[in-house]
């Protein structure tokens, strides 16, 4: 991945209309259309989260939301992990997770991160130190597992 990108995170109340629209558009493009999964994406958690963006010029190429402890799990969490189909296999996803972990620890302290991951991404998350901590379960018709990154 070349270096012509901008990475930052901000709290929901600080999002510009452009940022909010781009995040919702990318989430819908991948989670609803590409994965053919009809679900309520706007789940009332966004206003309590930080939102991490990776932009290349004016194109949002990757995004996550960073959930404080107690919102989804007892631990902090990374959710709505998404990268643009046009930027897959460029390193954007790896950069996204590295930056999300770093931001979580900056925002919430050096404690564990708990995620719900699509099963096919297990090895990807394991490469960052996450370990499976649940059985496989279906969420919106897609196999998932819970994983934890324990701060050492």
Protein backbone atom coordinates (compact mmCIF):
# COMPACT_ATOMS: atom_id res chain seq x y z
CA UNK A 1 0.00 0.00 0.00
CA UNK A 2 1.49 3.36 -0.92
CA UNK A 3 1.75 6.16 1.59
CA UNK A 4 -0.83 8.53 0.06
CA UNK A 5 -3.41 7.95 2.78
CA UNK A 6 -4.77 9.70 5.85
CA UNK A 7 -5.57 7.81 9.06
CA UNK A 8 -7.45 9.29 11.98
CA UNK A 9 -10.13 8.54 14.53
CA UNK A 10 -12.74 10.78 16.01
CA UNK A 11 -15.76 10.59 18.30
CA UNK A 12 -19.22 10.39 16.72
CA UNK A 13 -20.17 13.97 17.65
CA UNK A 14 -17.13 15.26 15.76
CA UNK A 15 -17.89 13.43 12.49
CA UNK A 16 -18.58 15.64 9.52
CA UNK A 17 -21.59 14.83 7.33
CA UNK A 18 -19.12 13.69 4.63
CA UNK A 19 -17.37 11.28 7.04
CA UNK A 20 -20.62 9.86 8.39
CA UNK A 21 -22.04 9.39 4.90
CA UNK A 22 -18.84 7.72 3.63
CA UNK A 23 -18.76 5.33 6.60
CA UNK A 24 -22.41 4.36 6.22
CA UNK A 25 -22.04 4.02 2.44
CA UNK A 26 -19.01 1.69 2.76
CA UNK A 27 -20.67 -0.35 5.52
CA UNK A 28 -23.79 -0.77 3.36
CA UNK A 29 -21.77 -1.56 0.21
CA UNK A 30 -19.99 -4.44 1.92
CA UNK A 31 -22.24 -5.72 4.71
CA UNK A 32 -25.63 -5.35 3.02
CA UNK A 33 -24.99 -5.52 -0.74
CA UNK A 34 -21.80 -7.58 -1.16
CA UNK A 35 -22.54 -10.01 1.69
CA UNK A 36 -26.25 -10.06 0.80
CA UNK A 37 -27.17 -9.55 4.44
CA UNK A 38 -30.26 -7.58 5.32
CA UNK A 39 -29.84 -6.31 8.88
CA UNK A 40 -30.14 -3.13 10.92
CA UNK A 41 -26.66 -1.59 10.63
CA UNK A 42 -27.62 1.52 12.60
CA UNK A 43 -27.75 -0.26 15.96
CA UNK A 44 -27.63 2.75 18.32
CA UNK A 45 -23.97 2.05 19.26
CA UNK A 46 -22.36 4.49 16.81
CA UNK A 47 -22.99 7.60 18.98
CA UNK A 48 -20.93 6.04 21.80
CA UNK A 49 -17.98 4.98 19.61
CA UNK A 50 -14.88 6.43 18.09
CA UNK A 51 -14.71 5.99 14.33
CA UNK A 52 -11.42 5.21 12.58
CA UNK A 53 -10.96 6.13 8.93
CA UNK A 54 -8.35 5.41 6.29
CA UNK A 55 -8.74 7.71 3.31
CA UNK A 56 -6.87 7.73 0.04
CA UNK A 57 -7.39 11.20 -1.38
CA UNK A 58 -11.16 11.66 -1.09
CA UNK A 59 -12.03 7.92 -1.11
CA UNK A 60 -12.73 6.06 2.14
CA UNK A 61 -10.84 2.80 1.73
CA UNK A 62 -11.19 1.29 5.22
CA UNK A 63 -13.11 1.93 8.43
CA UNK A 64 -13.76 0.57 11.92
CA UNK A 65 -15.63 1.72 14.95
CA UNK A 66 -13.96 1.51 18.35
CA UNK A 67 -16.33 0.56 21.14
CA UNK A 68 -15.60 1.44 24.76
CA UNK A 69 -15.68 -1.27 27.43
CA UNK A 70 -19.22 -2.28 28.36
CA UNK A 71 -20.92 -1.32 25.08
CA UNK A 72 -20.67 -4.64 23.23
CA UNK A 73 -18.50 -6.72 25.58
CA UNK A 74 -17.01 -6.18 29.03
CA UNK A 75 -13.77 -5.29 27.22
CA UNK A 76 -13.25 -2.65 24.58
CA UNK A 77 -14.00 -3.81 21.06
CA UNK A 78 -13.35 -3.16 17.39
CA UNK A 79 -16.40 -3.47 15.19
CA UNK A 80 -17.80 -2.84 11.72
CA UNK A 81 -14.39 -3.68 10.28
CA UNK A 82 -14.65 -2.97 6.58
CA UNK A 83 -12.41 -2.29 3.63
CA UNK A 84 -13.41 -1.16 0.17
CA UNK A 85 -13.50 -4.02 -2.35
CA UNK A 86 -11.30 -1.91 -4.63
CA UNK A 87 -8.53 -1.81 -1.98
CA UNK A 88 -8.47 -5.41 -0.83
CA UNK A 89 -5.12 -7.21 -0.98
CA UNK A 90 -3.30 -3.87 -0.82
CA UNK A 91 -2.42 -4.02 2.89
CA UNK A 92 -5.26 -1.67 3.83
CA UNK A 93 -6.96 -4.29 6.03
CA UNK A 94 -3.77 -5.06 7.96
CA UNK A 95 -3.12 -1.34 8.41
CA UNK A 96 -6.72 -0.88 9.56
CA UNK A 97 -6.43 -3.50 12.30
CA UNK A 98 -2.98 -2.31 13.45
CA UNK A 99 -4.25 1.27 13.70
CA UNK A 100 -7.48 0.17 15.40
CA UNK A 101 -5.59 -1.78 18.08
CA UNK A 102 -3.25 1.16 18.63
CA UNK A 103 -6.15 3.62 18.87
CA UNK A 104 -8.09 1.37 21.28
CA UNK A 105 -5.11 1.28 23.64
CA UNK A 106 -4.62 5.05 23.36
CA UNK A 107 -8.30 5.73 24.05
CA UNK A 108 -9.17 3.07 26.62
CA UNK A 109 -5.84 1.92 28.07
CA UNK A 110 -3.68 -1.19 27.68
CA UNK A 111 -6.39 -3.78 28.29
CA UNK A 112 -7.91 -6.66 26.31
CA UNK A 113 -9.86 -6.19 23.08
CA UNK A 114 -12.84 -8.48 22.40
CA UNK A 115 -14.25 -8.85 18.88
CA UNK A 116 -16.90 -10.78 17.01
CA UNK A 117 -15.21 -11.99 13.81
CA UNK A 118 -16.43 -13.70 10.70
CA UNK A 119 -15.06 -17.24 10.90
CA UNK A 120 -13.26 -17.06 7.55
CA UNK A 121 -11.10 -14.23 8.97
CA UNK A 122 -9.88 -16.26 11.97
CA UNK A 123 -6.28 -16.63 10.70
CA UNK A 124 -6.17 -12.95 9.76
CA UNK A 125 -7.05 -11.89 13.32
CA UNK A 126 -4.78 -14.54 14.82
CA UNK A 127 -1.89 -12.89 12.98
CA UNK A 128 -2.44 -9.87 15.29
CA UNK A 129 -2.54 -12.03 18.43
CA UNK A 130 -6.31 -12.54 18.78
CA UNK A 131 -7.39 -15.92 20.13
CA UNK A 132 -10.74 -17.64 19.64
CA UNK A 133 -12.82 -17.62 22.84
CA UNK A 134 -16.22 -18.94 21.71
CA UNK A 135 -17.85 -21.63 19.65
CA UNK A 136 -18.94 -20.83 16.10
CA UNK A 137 -22.30 -19.07 15.96
CA UNK A 138 -24.49 -17.65 13.21
CA UNK A 139 -25.02 -13.92 13.03
CA UNK A 140 -27.19 -12.71 10.16
CA UNK A 141 -26.60 -16.04 8.41
CA UNK A 142 -22.78 -15.76 8.56
CA UNK A 143 -20.54 -17.96 10.75
CA UNK A 144 -18.82 -15.92 13.46
CA UNK A 145 -16.57 -16.48 16.45
CA UNK A 146 -15.58 -14.27 19.34
CA UNK A 147 -11.89 -13.52 19.74
CA UNK A 148 -9.82 -11.73 22.37
CA UNK A 149 -6.50 -9.93 22.18
CA UNK A 150 -5.09 -10.00 25.68
CA UNK A 151 -2.73 -7.15 26.50
CA UNK A 152 0.50 -8.59 27.82
